[in-house]
Amino acid sequence: MKKFQLTLLVSGIIMTAVGIANGEASEILAKATVVCMECIGIG
């Protein structure tokens, strides 16, 4: 069980790093901001 958990943790860290390297973080932040603004009625 420990090996499975470690594998999931490592793969999650790798996928997060690849997403950040590809510039996905800024894109997701922009989309989240739009959704938030729509939710509270500003956008």
C-alpha atoms as a PDB file:
ATOM      1  CA  MET A   1       0.000   0.000   0.000  1.00  0.00           C
ATOM      2  CA  LYS A   2       2.826   2.409   0.828  1.00  0.00           C
ATOM      3  CA  LYS A   3       4.396   1.876  -2.596  1.00  0.00           C
ATOM      4  CA  PHE A   4       1.091   2.735  -4.305  1.00  0.00           C
ATOM      5  CA  GLN A   5       0.716   5.935  -2.272  1.00  0.00           C
ATOM      6  CA  LEU A   6       4.280   6.968  -3.035  1.00  0.00           C
ATOM      7  CA  THR A   7       3.732   6.304  -6.740  1.00  0.00           C
ATOM      8  CA  LEU A   8       0.620   8.491  -6.749  1.00  0.00           C
ATOM      9  CA  LEU A   9       2.419  11.265  -4.881  1.00  0.00           C
ATOM     10  CA  VAL A  10       5.420  11.244  -7.213  1.00  0.00           C
ATOM     11  CA  SER A  11       3.251  11.160 -10.342  1.00  0.00           C
ATOM     12  CA  GLY A  12       1.166  14.059  -9.022  1.00  0.00           C
ATOM     13  CA  ILE A  13       4.276  16.121  -8.351  1.00  0.00           C
ATOM     14  CA  ILE A  14       5.650  15.353 -11.820  1.00  0.00           C
ATOM     15  CA  MET A  15       2.358  16.251 -13.525  1.00  0.00           C
ATOM     16  CA  THR A  16       2.148  19.508 -11.559  1.00  0.00           C
ATOM     17  CA  ALA A  17       5.712  20.415 -12.536  1.00  0.00           C
ATOM     18  CA  VAL A  18       5.052  19.660 -16.210  1.00  0.00           C
ATOM     19  CA  GLY A  19       1.872  21.761 -16.147  1.00  0.00           C
ATOM     20  CA  ILE A  20       3.693  24.700 -14.596  1.00  0.00           C
ATOM     21  CA  ALA A  21       6.534  24.363 -17.128  1.00  0.00           C
ATOM     22  CA  ASN A  22       4.005  24.457 -19.987  1.00  0.00           C
ATOM     23  CA  GLY A  23       2.425  27.666 -18.690  1.00  0.00           C
ATOM     24  CA  GLU A  24      -0.830  26.029 -17.650  1.00  0.00           C
ATOM     25  CA  ALA A  25      -0.855  27.681 -14.221  1.00  0.00           C
ATOM     26  CA  SER A  26      -1.472  31.179 -15.589  1.00  0.00           C
ATOM     27  CA  GLU A  27      -4.162  29.877 -17.934  1.00  0.00           C
ATOM     28  CA  ILE A  28      -5.999  28.110 -15.115  1.00  0.00           C
ATOM     29  CA  LEU A  29      -5.727  31.190 -12.885  1.00  0.00           C
ATOM     30  CA  ALA A  30      -7.246  33.347 -15.634  1.00  0.00           C
ATOM     31  CA  LYS A  31     -10.160  30.910 -16.085  1.00  0.00           C
ATOM     32  CA  ALA A  32     -10.721  30.677 -12.337  1.00  0.00           C
ATOM     33  CA  THR A  33     -10.783  34.469 -12.061  1.00  0.00           C
ATOM     34  CA  VAL A  34     -13.452  34.708 -14.771  1.00  0.00           C
ATOM     35  CA  VAL A  35     -15.583  32.046 -13.085  1.00  0.00           C
ATOM     36  CA  CYS A  36     -15.245  33.804  -9.725  1.00  0.00           C
ATOM     37  CA  MET A  37     -16.202  37.160 -11.186  1.00  0.00           C
ATOM     38  CA  GLU A  38     -19.261  35.633 -12.867  1.00  0.00           C
ATOM     39  CA  CYS A  39     -20.256  33.872  -9.657  1.00  0.00           C
ATOM     40  CA  ILE A  40     -20.344  37.073  -7.604  1.00  0.00           C
ATOM     41  CA  GLY A  41     -21.966  39.010 -10.428  1.00  0.00           C
ATOM     42  CA  ILE A  42     -19.187  41.392 -11.450  1.00  0.00           C
ATOM     43  CA  GLY A  43     -18.152  39.824 -14.787  1.00  0.00           C
END
